[in-house]
Amino acid sequence: MKFSEAWLREWVNPSIDRADLSAQLTMAGLEIEGETPVAGQFSGVVVGEVRAVARHPDADKLSVCEVSDGAATVQVVCGAPNVRVGLKTAFARVGAELPGDLKIRKAKLRGVES
């Protein structure tokens, strides 16, 4: 059977780390075959709020947005059809590292900096 650690901790939440929890479950007769992370390692991702949205001048399906992460406001070219002012979403800052060896960098998308 597979279940998440978060789900288990909704029912019982001992103040021990993941390794000790696995050991205690094994000692109770519930063998832990393995642990699989839900998401890969990442860094530099914060909550961002969309402050302004405009149509991209050269692309029908892109928007040019101003996104604030609380420390700075930056321009982002976005392809999400549901983007709107006030939307709070995951925001990867320049230099953020995402699963799959992806690193966020500044770029121009159809002539607009992002």
PDB file of N, CA and C in Angstrom:
ATOM      1  N   MET A   1       0.850  -1.167   0.000  1.00  0.00           N
ATOM      2  CA  MET A   1       0.000   0.000   0.000  1.00  0.00           C
ATOM      3  C   MET A   1       0.901   1.237   0.000  1.00  0.00           C
ATOM      4  N   LYS A   2       0.482   2.250  -0.750  1.00  0.00           N
ATOM      5  CA  LYS A   2       1.219   3.512  -0.768  1.00  0.00           C
ATOM      6  C   LYS A   2       0.374   4.581  -0.087  1.00  0.00           C
ATOM      7  N   PHE A   3       1.030   5.423   0.698  1.00  0.00           N
ATOM      8  CA  PHE A   3       0.356   6.566   1.308  1.00  0.00           C
ATOM      9  C   PHE A   3       1.399   7.634   1.584  1.00  0.00           C
ATOM     10  N   SER A   4       0.918   8.856   1.733  1.00  0.00           N
ATOM     11  CA  SER A   4       1.854   9.962   1.940  1.00  0.00           C
ATOM     12  C   SER A   4       2.139  10.159   3.426  1.00  0.00           C
ATOM     13  N   GLU A   5       3.303  10.684   3.687  1.00  0.00           N
ATOM     14  CA  GLU A   5       3.672  10.997   5.068  1.00  0.00           C
ATOM     15  C   GLU A   5       2.719  12.040   5.639  1.00  0.00           C
ATOM     16  N   ALA A   6       2.325  13.011   4.798  1.00  0.00           N
ATOM     17  CA  ALA A   6       1.404  14.053   5.266  1.00  0.00           C
ATOM     18  C   ALA A   6       0.074  13.443   5.704  1.00  0.00           C
ATOM     19  N   TRP A   7      -0.433  12.476   4.929  1.00  0.00           N
ATOM     20  CA  TRP A   7      -1.688  11.817   5.291  1.00  0.00           C
ATOM     21  C   TRP A   7      -1.539  11.087   6.617  1.00  0.00           C
ATOM     22  N   LEU A   8      -0.442  10.349   6.782  1.00  0.00           N
ATOM     23  CA  LEU A   8      -0.209   9.620   8.023  1.00  0.00           C
ATOM     24  C   LEU A   8      -0.162  10.578   9.207  1.00  0.00           C
ATOM     25  N   ARG A   9       0.507  11.718   9.015  1.00  0.00           N
ATOM     26  CA  ARG A   9       0.645  12.674  10.120  1.00  0.00           C
ATOM     27  C   ARG A   9      -0.658  13.400  10.445  1.00  0.00           C
ATOM     28  N   GLU A  10      -1.661  13.316   9.566  1.00  0.00           N
ATOM     29  CA  GLU A  10      -2.987  13.832   9.922  1.00  0.00           C
ATOM     30  C   GLU A  10      -3.621  12.960  11.005  1.00  0.00           C
ATOM     31  N   TRP A  11      -3.279  11.689  11.013  1.00  0.00           N
ATOM     32  CA  TRP A  11      -3.864  10.735  11.960  1.00  0.00           C
ATOM     33  C   TRP A  11      -3.014  10.582  13.213  1.00  0.00           C
ATOM     34  N   VAL A  12      -1.728  10.466  13.040  1.00  0.00           N
ATOM     35  CA  VAL A  12      -0.784  10.387  14.159  1.00  0.00           C
ATOM     36  C   VAL A  12       0.385  11.281  13.790  1.00  0.00           C
ATOM     37  N   ASN A  13       0.773  12.148  14.680  1.00  0.00           N
ATOM     38  CA  ASN A  13       1.838  13.087  14.342  1.00  0.00           C
ATOM     39  C   ASN A  13       2.914  13.092  15.421  1.00  0.00           C
ATOM     40  N   PRO A  14       3.690  12.028  15.482  1.00  0.00           N
ATOM     41  CA  PRO A  14       4.776  12.032  16.463  1.00  0.00           C
ATOM     42  C   PRO A  14       5.827  13.067  16.073  1.00  0.00           C
ATOM     43  N   SER A  15       6.464  13.642  17.077  1.00  0.00           N
ATOM     44  CA  SER A  15       7.475  14.678  16.808  1.00  0.00           C
ATOM     45  C   SER A  15       8.830  14.029  16.530  1.00  0.00           C
ATOM     46  N   ILE A  16       8.861  13.249  15.438  1.00  0.00           N
ATOM     47  CA  ILE A  16      10.095  12.595  15.002  1.00  0.00           C
ATOM     48  C   ILE A  16      10.262  12.835  13.507  1.00  0.00           C
ATOM     49  N   ASP A  17      11.487  12.686  13.033  1.00  0.00           N
ATOM     50  CA  ASP A  17      11.736  12.916  11.610  1.00  0.00           C
ATOM     51  C   ASP A  17      11.317  11.699  10.782  1.00  0.00           C
ATOM     52  N   ARG A  18      11.413  11.830   9.478  1.00  0.00           N
ATOM     53  CA  ARG A  18      10.965  10.796   8.544  1.00  0.00           C
ATOM     54  C   ARG A  18      11.693   9.468   8.759  1.00  0.00           C
ATOM     55  N   ALA A  19      13.005   9.510   8.968  1.00  0.00           N
ATOM     56  CA  ALA A  19      13.778   8.271   9.146  1.00  0.00           C
ATOM     57  C   ALA A  19      13.331   7.519  10.397  1.00  0.00           C
ATOM     58  N   ASP A  20      13.133   8.249  11.502  1.00  0.00           N
ATOM     59  CA  ASP A  20      12.686   7.601  12.739  1.00  0.00           C
ATOM     60  C   ASP A  20      11.261   7.074  12.598  1.00  0.00           C
ATOM     61  N   LEU A  21      10.419   7.800  11.880  1.00  0.00           N
ATOM     62  CA  LEU A  21       9.049   7.337  11.646  1.00  0.00           C
ATOM     63  C   LEU A  21       9.058   6.029  10.861  1.00  0.00           C
ATOM     64  N   SER A  22       9.882   5.952   9.831  1.00  0.00           N
ATOM     65  CA  SER A  22      10.006   4.718   9.042  1.00  0.00           C
ATOM     66  C   SER A  22      10.490   3.564   9.910  1.00  0.00           C
ATOM     67  N   ALA A  23      11.461   3.837  10.759  1.00  0.00           N
ATOM     68  CA  ALA A  23      11.994   2.795  11.639  1.00  0.00           C
ATOM     69  C   ALA A  23      10.926   2.305  12.611  1.00  0.00           C
ATOM     70  N   GLN A  24      10.148   3.221  13.171  1.00  0.00           N
ATOM     71  CA  GLN A  24       9.107   2.819  14.120  1.00  0.00           C
ATOM     72  C   GLN A  24       8.008   2.022  13.430  1.00  0.00           C
ATOM     73  N   LEU A  25       7.638   2.417  12.215  1.00  0.00           N
ATOM     74  CA  LEU A  25       6.627   1.652  11.477  1.00  0.00           C
ATOM     75  C   LEU A  25       7.129   0.243  11.181  1.00  0.00           C
ATOM     76  N   THR A  26       8.392   0.130  10.797  1.00  0.00           N
ATOM     77  CA  THR A  26       8.979  -1.185  10.523  1.00  0.00           C
ATOM     78  C   THR A  26       8.990  -2.037  11.790  1.00  0.00           C
ATOM     79  N   MET A  27       9.358  -1.447  12.919  1.00  0.00           N
ATOM     80  CA  MET A  27       9.380  -2.185  14.189  1.00  0.00           C
ATOM     81  C   MET A  27       7.975  -2.622  14.609  1.00  0.00           C
ATOM     82  N   ALA A  28       6.952  -1.897  14.154  1.00  0.00           N
ATOM     83  CA  ALA A  28       5.563  -2.256  14.475  1.00  0.00           C
ATOM     84  C   ALA A  28       5.025  -3.322  13.524  1.00  0.00           C
ATOM     85  N   GLY A  29       5.851  -3.762  12.576  1.00  0.00           N
ATOM     86  CA  GLY A  29       5.432  -4.813  11.656  1.00  0.00           C
ATOM     87  C   GLY A  29       4.948  -4.316  10.310  1.00  0.00           C
ATOM     88  N   LEU A  30       5.063  -3.037  10.053  1.00  0.00           N
ATOM     89  CA  LEU A  30       4.651  -2.453   8.770  1.00  0.00           C
ATOM     90  C   LEU A  30       5.907  -2.137   7.970  1.00  0.00           C
ATOM     91  N   GLU A  31       6.335  -3.089   7.176  1.00  0.00           N
ATOM     92  CA  GLU A  31       7.596  -2.944   6.447  1.00  0.00           C
ATOM     93  C   GLU A  31       7.539  -1.787   5.455  1.00  0.00           C
ATOM     94  N   ILE A  32       8.544  -0.940   5.492  1.00  0.00           N
ATOM     95  CA  ILE A  32       8.679   0.169   4.552  1.00  0.00           C
ATOM     96  C   ILE A  32       9.568  -0.312   3.415  1.00  0.00           C
ATOM     97  N   GLU A  33       8.990  -0.469   2.233  1.00  0.00           N
ATOM     98  CA  GLU A  33       9.769  -0.938   1.080  1.00  0.00           C
ATOM     99  C   GLU A  33      10.582   0.185   0.453  1.00  0.00           C
ATOM    100  N   GLY A  34      10.108   1.394   0.569  1.00  0.00           N
ATOM    101  CA  GLY A  34      10.840   2.507  -0.017  1.00  0.00           C
ATOM    102  C   GLY A  34      10.098   3.809   0.176  1.00  0.00           C
ATOM    103  N   GLU A  35      10.808   4.879  -0.052  1.00  0.00           N
ATOM    104  CA  GLU A  35      10.238   6.222   0.020  1.00  0.00           C
ATOM    105  C   GLU A  35      10.429   6.875  -1.334  1.00  0.00           C
ATOM    106  N   THR A  36       9.367   7.446  -1.850  1.00  0.00           N
ATOM    107  CA  THR A  36       9.420   8.101  -3.149  1.00  0.00           C
ATOM    108  C   THR A  36       9.010   9.556  -2.980  1.00  0.00           C
ATOM    109  N   PRO A  37       9.893  10.492  -3.275  1.00  0.00           N
ATOM    110  CA  PRO A  37       9.509  11.900  -3.161  1.00  0.00           C
ATOM    111  C   PRO A  37       8.442  12.254  -4.194  1.00  0.00           C
ATOM    112  N   VAL A  38       7.504  13.087  -3.784  1.00  0.00           N
ATOM    113  CA  VAL A  38       6.435  13.518  -4.677  1.00  0.00           C
ATOM    114  C   VAL A  38       6.982  14.474  -5.727  1.00  0.00           C
ATOM    115  N   ALA A  39       7.885  15.340  -5.320  1.00  0.00           N
ATOM    116  CA  ALA A  39       8.481  16.307  -6.247  1.00  0.00           C
ATOM    117  C   ALA A  39       9.997  16.245  -6.118  1.00  0.00           C
ATOM    118  N   GLY A  40      10.679  16.565  -7.199  1.00  0.00           N
ATOM    119  CA  GLY A  40      12.132  16.619  -7.168  1.00  0.00           C
ATOM    120  C   GLY A  40      12.619  17.819  -6.373  1.00  0.00           C
ATOM    121  N   GLN A  41      13.912  17.885  -6.165  1.00  0.00           N
ATOM    122  CA  GLN A  41      14.507  19.001  -5.438  1.00  0.00           C
ATOM    123  C   GLN A  41      14.403  20.284  -6.262  1.00  0.00           C
ATOM    124  N   PHE A  42      14.066  21.378  -5.587  1.00  0.00           N
ATOM    125  CA  PHE A  42      14.020  22.671  -6.256  1.00  0.00           C
ATOM    126  C   PHE A  42      14.356  23.758  -5.253  1.00  0.00           C
ATOM    127  N   SER A  43      14.739  24.928  -5.769  1.00  0.00           N
ATOM    128  CA  SER A  43      15.030  26.072  -4.909  1.00  0.00           C
ATOM    129  C   SER A  43      14.695  27.348  -5.664  1.00  0.00           C
ATOM    130  N   GLY A  44      14.470  28.419  -4.926  1.00  0.00           N
ATOM    131  CA  GLY A  44      14.205  29.714  -5.538  1.00  0.00           C
ATOM    132  C   GLY A  44      12.770  29.916  -5.987  1.00  0.00           C
ATOM    133  N   VAL A  45      11.852  29.063  -5.534  1.00  0.00           N
ATOM    134  CA  VAL A  45      10.442  29.193  -5.901  1.00  0.00           C
ATOM    135  C   VAL A  45       9.698  29.760  -4.696  1.00  0.00           C
ATOM    136  N   VAL A  46       8.958  30.844  -4.926  1.00  0.00           N
ATOM    137  CA  VAL A  46       8.227  31.526  -3.864  1.00  0.00           C
ATOM    138  C   VAL A  46       6.796  31.775  -4.328  1.00  0.00           C
ATOM    139  N   VAL A  47       5.982  32.343  -3.457  1.00  0.00           N
ATOM    140  CA  VAL A  47       4.629  32.741  -3.845  1.00  0.00           C
ATOM    141  C   VAL A  47       4.721  34.114  -4.491  1.00  0.00           C
ATOM    142  N   GLY A  48       4.174  34.230  -5.688  1.00  0.00           N
ATOM    143  CA  GLY A  48       4.145  35.505  -6.393  1.00  0.00           C
ATOM    144  C   GLY A  48       2.710  35.932  -6.633  1.00  0.00           C
ATOM    145  N   GLU A  49       2.501  37.238  -6.684  1.00  0.00           N
ATOM    146  CA  GLU A  49       1.163  37.776  -6.959  1.00  0.00           C
ATOM    147  C   GLU A  49       1.199  38.569  -8.256  1.00  0.00           C
ATOM    148  N   VAL A  50       0.267  38.274  -9.146  1.00  0.00           N
ATOM    149  CA  VAL A  50       0.175  38.988 -10.421  1.00  0.00           C
ATOM    150  C   VAL A  50      -0.418  40.363 -10.139  1.00  0.00           C
ATOM    151  N   ARG A  51       0.328  41.419 -10.498  1.00  0.00           N
ATOM    152  CA  ARG A  51      -0.110  42.797 -10.250  1.00  0.00           C
ATOM    153  C   ARG A  51      -0.724  43.449 -11.482  1.00  0.00           C
ATOM    154  N   ALA A  52      -0.292  43.026 -12.676  1.00  0.00           N
ATOM    155  CA  ALA A  52      -0.819  43.607 -13.919  1.00  0.00           C
ATOM    156  C   ALA A  52      -0.706  42.571 -15.027  1.00  0.00           C
ATOM    157  N   VAL A  53      -1.648  42.632 -15.970  1.00  0.00           N
ATOM    158  CA  VAL A  53      -1.656  41.709 -17.111  1.00  0.00           C
ATOM    159  C   VAL A  53      -1.960  42.509 -18.370  1.00  0.00           C
ATOM    160  N   ALA A  54      -1.156  42.290 -19.415  1.00  0.00           N
ATOM    161  CA  ALA A  54      -1.390  42.925 -20.718  1.00  0.00           C
ATOM    162  C   ALA A  54      -1.176  41.876 -21.801  1.00  0.00           C
ATOM    163  N   ARG A  55      -1.780  42.076 -22.943  1.00  0.00           N
ATOM    164  CA  ARG A  55      -1.582  41.153 -24.067  1.00  0.00           C
ATOM    165  C   ARG A  55      -0.172  41.309 -24.614  1.00  0.00           C
ATOM    166  N   HIS A  56       0.388  40.220 -25.046  1.00  0.00           N
ATOM    167  CA  HIS A  56       1.700  40.246 -25.688  1.00  0.00           C
ATOM    168  C   HIS A  56       1.519  40.880 -27.064  1.00  0.00           C
ATOM    169  N   PRO A  57       2.408  41.810 -27.464  1.00  0.00           N
ATOM    170  CA  PRO A  57       2.232  42.493 -28.747  1.00  0.00           C
ATOM    171  C   PRO A  57       2.398  41.596 -29.973  1.00  0.00           C
ATOM    172  N   ASP A  58       3.111  40.470 -29.845  1.00  0.00           N
ATOM    173  CA  ASP A  58       3.380  39.616 -31.006  1.00  0.00           C
ATOM    174  C   ASP A  58       2.896  38.181 -30.854  1.00  0.00           C
ATOM    175  N   ALA A  59       2.045  37.903 -29.881  1.00  0.00           N
ATOM    176  CA  ALA A  59       1.577  36.526 -29.684  1.00  0.00           C
ATOM    177  C   ALA A  59       0.165  36.535 -29.107  1.00  0.00           C
ATOM    178  N   ASP A  60      -0.726  35.818 -29.751  1.00  0.00           N
ATOM    179  CA  ASP A  60      -2.117  35.775 -29.305  1.00  0.00           C
ATOM    180  C   ASP A  60      -2.301  35.016 -27.992  1.00  0.00           C
ATOM    181  N   LYS A  61      -1.477  34.007 -27.752  1.00  0.00           N
ATOM    182  CA  LYS A  61      -1.683  33.153 -26.587  1.00  0.00           C
ATOM    183  C   LYS A  61      -0.729  33.448 -25.433  1.00  0.00           C
ATOM    184  N   LEU A  62      -0.035  34.587 -25.483  1.00  0.00           N
ATOM    185  CA  LEU A  62       0.874  34.971 -24.404  1.00  0.00           C
ATOM    186  C   LEU A  62       0.414  36.276 -23.775  1.00  0.00           C
ATOM    187  N   SER A  63       0.713  36.433 -22.489  1.00  0.00           N
ATOM    188  CA  SER A  63       0.441  37.674 -21.767  1.00  0.00           C
ATOM    189  C   SER A  63       1.747  38.194 -21.184  1.00  0.00           C
ATOM    190  N   VAL A  64       1.817  39.504 -21.003  1.00  0.00           N
ATOM    191  CA  VAL A  64       2.957  40.129 -20.330  1.00  0.00           C
ATOM    192  C   VAL A  64       2.442  40.573 -18.966  1.00  0.00           C
ATOM    193  N   CYS A  65       3.030  40.023 -17.914  1.00  0.00           N
ATOM    194  CA  CYS A  65       2.535  40.252 -16.560  1.00  0.00           C
ATOM    195  C   CYS A  65       3.592  40.928 -15.700  1.00  0.00           C
ATOM    196  N   GLU A  66       3.129  41.648 -14.699  1.00  0.00           N
ATOM    197  CA  GLU A  66       3.998  42.134 -13.635  1.00  0.00           C
ATOM    198  C   GLU A  66       3.702  41.267 -12.430  1.00  0.00           C
ATOM    199  N   VAL A  67       4.739  40.612 -11.901  1.00  0.00           N
ATOM    200  CA  VAL A  67       4.582  39.694 -10.776  1.00  0.00           C
ATOM    201  C   VAL A  67       5.436  40.186  -9.617  1.00  0.00           C
ATOM    202  N   SER A  68       4.831  40.262  -8.435  1.00  0.00           N
ATOM    203  CA  SER A  68       5.557  40.672  -7.233  1.00  0.00           C
ATOM    204  C   SER A  68       5.785  39.457  -6.348  1.00  0.00           C
ATOM    205  N   ASP A  69       7.010  39.335  -5.843  1.00  0.00           N
ATOM    206  CA  ASP A  69       7.307  38.257  -4.899  1.00  0.00           C
ATOM    207  C   ASP A  69       7.454  38.793  -3.477  1.00  0.00           C
ATOM    208  N   GLY A  70       7.043  40.038  -3.274  1.00  0.00           N
ATOM    209  CA  GLY A  70       7.153  40.662  -1.965  1.00  0.00           C
ATOM    210  C   GLY A  70       8.422  41.472  -1.802  1.00  0.00           C
ATOM    211  N   ALA A  71       9.460  41.123  -2.549  1.00  0.00           N
ATOM    212  CA  ALA A  71      10.725  41.851  -2.486  1.00  0.00           C
ATOM    213  C   ALA A  71      10.919  42.717  -3.719  1.00  0.00           C
ATOM    214  N   ALA A  72      10.421  42.258  -4.859  1.00  0.00           N
ATOM    215  CA  ALA A  72      10.589  42.983  -6.119  1.00  0.00           C
ATOM    216  C   ALA A  72       9.430  42.643  -7.050  1.00  0.00           C
ATOM    217  N   THR A  73       9.226  43.515  -8.027  1.00  0.00           N
ATOM    218  CA  THR A  73       8.230  43.265  -9.065  1.00  0.00           C
ATOM    219  C   THR A  73       8.975  43.100 -10.376  1.00  0.00           C
ATOM    220  N   VAL A  74       8.671  42.020 -11.098  1.00  0.00           N
ATOM    221  CA  VAL A  74       9.368  41.720 -12.342  1.00  0.00           C
ATOM    222  C   VAL A  74       8.364  41.466 -13.456  1.00  0.00           C
ATOM    223  N   GLN A  75       8.846  41.618 -14.684  1.00  0.00           N
ATOM    224  CA  GLN A  75       8.026  41.352 -15.865  1.00  0.00           C
ATOM    225  C   GLN A  75       8.190  39.893 -16.268  1.00  0.00           C
ATOM    226  N   VAL A  76       7.064  39.231 -16.514  1.00  0.00           N
ATOM    227  CA  VAL A  76       7.069  37.817 -16.872  1.00  0.00           C
ATOM    228  C   VAL A  76       6.160  37.612 -18.070  1.00  0.00           C
ATOM    229  N   VAL A  77       6.655  36.910 -19.086  1.00  0.00           N
ATOM    230  CA  VAL A  77       5.808  36.502 -20.206  1.00  0.00           C
ATOM    231  C   VAL A  77       5.186  35.170 -19.813  1.00  0.00           C
ATOM    232  N   CYS A  78       3.869  35.096 -19.934  1.00  0.00           N
ATOM    233  CA  CYS A  78       3.122  33.956 -19.403  1.00  0.00           C
ATOM    234  C   CYS A  78       2.193  33.382 -20.465  1.00  0.00           C
ATOM    235  N   GLY A  79       2.067  32.067 -20.507  1.00  0.00           N
ATOM    236  CA  GLY A  79       1.176  31.409 -21.452  1.00  0.00           C
ATOM    237  C   GLY A  79      -0.064  30.824 -20.805  1.00  0.00           C
ATOM    238  N   ALA A  80      -0.248  31.034 -19.513  1.00  0.00           N
ATOM    239  CA  ALA A  80      -1.408  30.470 -18.817  1.00  0.00           C
ATOM    240  C   ALA A  80      -2.681  31.217 -19.220  1.00  0.00           C
ATOM    241  N   PRO A  81      -3.706  30.511 -19.691  1.00  0.00           N
ATOM    242  CA  PRO A  81      -4.932  31.187 -20.106  1.00  0.00           C
ATOM    243  C   PRO A  81      -5.726  31.760 -18.933  1.00  0.00           C
ATOM    244  N   ASN A  82      -5.460  31.306 -17.712  1.00  0.00           N
ATOM    245  CA  ASN A  82      -6.219  31.766 -16.549  1.00  0.00           C
ATOM    246  C   ASN A  82      -5.514  32.859 -15.751  1.00  0.00           C
ATOM    247  N   VAL A  83      -4.442  33.438 -16.274  1.00  0.00           N
ATOM    248  CA  VAL A  83      -3.721  34.477 -15.534  1.00  0.00           C
ATOM    249  C   VAL A  83      -4.616  35.704 -15.390  1.00  0.00           C
ATOM    250  N   ARG A  84      -4.575  36.300 -14.193  1.00  0.00           N
ATOM    251  CA  ARG A  84      -5.396  37.481 -13.917  1.00  0.00           C
ATOM    252  C   ARG A  84      -4.776  38.262 -12.760  1.00  0.00           C
ATOM    253  N   VAL A  85      -5.109  39.529 -12.664  1.00  0.00           N
ATOM    254  CA  VAL A  85      -4.621  40.375 -11.581  1.00  0.00           C
ATOM    255  C   VAL A  85      -5.119  39.798 -10.257  1.00  0.00           C
ATOM    256  N   GLY A  86      -4.222  39.730  -9.289  1.00  0.00           N
ATOM    257  CA  GLY A  86      -4.558  39.211  -7.969  1.00  0.00           C
ATOM    258  C   GLY A  86      -4.266  37.733  -7.788  1.00  0.00           C
ATOM    259  N   LEU A  87      -3.981  37.024  -8.879  1.00  0.00           N
ATOM    260  CA  LEU A  87      -3.682  35.592  -8.796  1.00  0.00           C
ATOM    261  C   LEU A  87      -2.391  35.373  -8.020  1.00  0.00           C
ATOM    262  N   LYS A  88      -2.424  34.469  -7.063  1.00  0.00           N
ATOM    263  CA  LYS A  88      -1.215  34.083  -6.328  1.00  0.00           C
ATOM    264  C   LYS A  88      -0.828  32.698  -6.814  1.00  0.00           C
ATOM    265  N   THR A  89       0.440  32.556  -7.156  1.00  0.00           N
ATOM    266  CA  THR A  89       0.905  31.322  -7.775  1.00  0.00           C
ATOM    267  C   THR A  89       2.368  31.074  -7.451  1.00  0.00           C
ATOM    268  N   ALA A  90       2.829  29.881  -7.758  1.00  0.00           N
ATOM    269  CA  ALA A  90       4.254  29.587  -7.609  1.00  0.00           C
ATOM    270  C   ALA A  90       5.021  30.451  -8.604  1.00  0.00           C
ATOM    271  N   PHE A  91       6.092  31.081  -8.138  1.00  0.00           N
ATOM    272  CA  PHE A  91       6.892  31.970  -8.977  1.00  0.00           C
ATOM    273  C   PHE A  91       8.358  31.589  -8.831  1.00  0.00           C
ATOM    274  N   ALA A  92       8.970  31.210  -9.928  1.00  0.00           N
ATOM    275  CA  ALA A  92      10.388  30.832  -9.931  1.00  0.00           C
ATOM    276  C   ALA A  92      11.217  32.059 -10.289  1.00  0.00           C
ATOM    277  N   ARG A  93      11.986  32.538  -9.337  1.00  0.00           N
ATOM    278  CA  ARG A  93      12.847  33.701  -9.570  1.00  0.00           C
ATOM    279  C   ARG A  93      13.974  33.337 -10.535  1.00  0.00           C
ATOM    280  N   VAL A  94      14.595  34.366 -11.124  1.00  0.00           N
ATOM    281  CA  VAL A  94      15.783  34.134 -11.950  1.00  0.00           C
ATOM    282  C   VAL A  94      16.831  33.464 -11.065  1.00  0.00           C
ATOM    283  N   GLY A  95      17.395  32.376 -11.550  1.00  0.00           N
ATOM    284  CA  GLY A  95      18.366  31.602 -10.789  1.00  0.00           C
ATOM    285  C   GLY A  95      17.760  30.408 -10.067  1.00  0.00           C
ATOM    286  N   ALA A  96      16.428  30.320 -10.062  1.00  0.00           N
ATOM    287  CA  ALA A  96      15.770  29.179  -9.412  1.00  0.00           C
ATOM    288  C   ALA A  96      16.163  27.885 -10.115  1.00  0.00           C
ATOM    289  N   GLU A  97      16.267  26.819  -9.341  1.00  0.00           N
ATOM    290  CA  GLU A  97      16.597  25.509  -9.896  1.00  0.00           C
ATOM    291  C   GLU A  97      15.395  24.598  -9.730  1.00  0.00           C
ATOM    292  N   LEU A  98      14.984  23.965 -10.841  1.00  0.00           N
ATOM    293  CA  LEU A  98      13.809  23.108 -10.863  1.00  0.00           C
ATOM    294  C   LEU A  98      14.207  21.673 -11.178  1.00  0.00           C
ATOM    295  N   PRO A  99      13.335  20.710 -10.865  1.00  0.00           N
ATOM    296  CA  PRO A  99      13.649  19.313 -11.191  1.00  0.00           C
ATOM    297  C   PRO A  99      13.956  19.149 -12.678  1.00  0.00           C
ATOM    298  N   GLY A 100      14.813  18.197 -12.985  1.00  0.00           N
ATOM    299  CA  GLY A 100      15.202  17.968 -14.376  1.00  0.00           C
ATOM    300  C   GLY A 100      16.363  18.842 -14.804  1.00  0.00           C
ATOM    301  N   ASP A 101      17.134  19.344 -13.841  1.00  0.00           N
ATOM    302  CA  ASP A 101      18.296  20.194 -14.123  1.00  0.00           C
ATOM    303  C   ASP A 101      17.934  21.457 -14.888  1.00  0.00           C
ATOM    304  N   LEU A 102      16.769  22.035 -14.607  1.00  0.00           N
ATOM    305  CA  LEU A 102      16.361  23.292 -15.230  1.00  0.00           C
ATOM    306  C   LEU A 102      16.760  24.451 -14.331  1.00  0.00           C
ATOM    307  N   LYS A 103      17.309  25.498 -14.932  1.00  0.00           N
ATOM    308  CA  LYS A 103      17.667  26.702 -14.194  1.00  0.00           C
ATOM    309  C   LYS A 103      16.986  27.881 -14.879  1.00  0.00           C
ATOM    310  N   ILE A 104      16.256  28.676 -14.106  1.00  0.00           N
ATOM    311  CA  ILE A 104      15.516  29.809 -14.654  1.00  0.00           C
ATOM    312  C   ILE A 104      16.487  30.947 -14.945  1.00  0.00           C
ATOM    313  N   ARG A 105      16.358  31.502 -16.140  1.00  0.00           N
ATOM    314  CA  ARG A 105      17.211  32.624 -16.545  1.00  0.00           C
ATOM    315  C   ARG A 105      16.353  33.648 -17.277  1.00  0.00           C
ATOM    316  N   LYS A 106      16.890  34.854 -17.397  1.00  0.00           N
ATOM    317  CA  LYS A 106      16.202  35.886 -18.170  1.00  0.00           C
ATOM    318  C   LYS A 106      16.226  35.494 -19.635  1.00  0.00           C
ATOM    319  N   ALA A 107      15.152  35.828 -20.333  1.00  0.00           N
ATOM    320  CA  ALA A 107      15.078  35.507 -21.760  1.00  0.00           C
ATOM    321  C   ALA A 107      14.124  36.475 -22.436  1.00  0.00           C
ATOM    322  N   LYS A 108      14.173  36.504 -23.756  1.00  0.00           N
ATOM    323  CA  LYS A 108      13.208  37.264 -24.546  1.00  0.00           C
ATOM    324  C   LYS A 108      12.287  36.267 -25.226  1.00  0.00           C
ATOM    325  N   LEU A 109      10.996  36.472 -25.070  1.00  0.00           N
ATOM    326  CA  LEU A 109      10.002  35.635 -25.726  1.00  0.00           C
ATOM    327  C   LEU A 109       9.250  36.496 -26.727  1.00  0.00           C
ATOM    328  N   ARG A 110       9.515  36.229 -27.989  1.00  0.00           N
ATOM    329  CA  ARG A 110       8.918  37.018 -29.074  1.00  0.00           C
ATOM    330  C   ARG A 110       9.190  38.507 -28.892  1.00  0.00           C
ATOM    331  N   GLY A 111      10.408  38.825 -28.491  1.00  0.00           N
ATOM    332  CA  GLY A 111      10.837  40.215 -28.396  1.00  0.00           C
ATOM    333  C   GLY A 111      10.559  40.903 -27.079  1.00  0.00           C
ATOM    334  N   VAL A 112       9.935  40.225 -26.123  1.00  0.00           N
ATOM    335  CA  VAL A 112       9.623  40.828 -24.827  1.00  0.00           C
ATOM    336  C   VAL A 112      10.427  40.113 -23.750  1.00  0.00           C
ATOM    337  N   GLU A 113      11.136  40.907 -22.922  1.00  0.00           N
ATOM    338  CA  GLU A 113      11.943  40.313 -21.851  1.00  0.00           C
ATOM    339  C   GLU A 113      11.069  39.682 -20.791  1.00  0.00           C
ATOM    340  N   SER A 114      11.559  38.576 -20.280  1.00  0.00           N
ATOM    341  CA  SER A 114      10.851  37.867 -19.220  1.00  0.00           C
ATOM    342  C   SER A 114      11.876  37.385 -18.211  1.00  0.00           C
TER     343      SER A 114
END
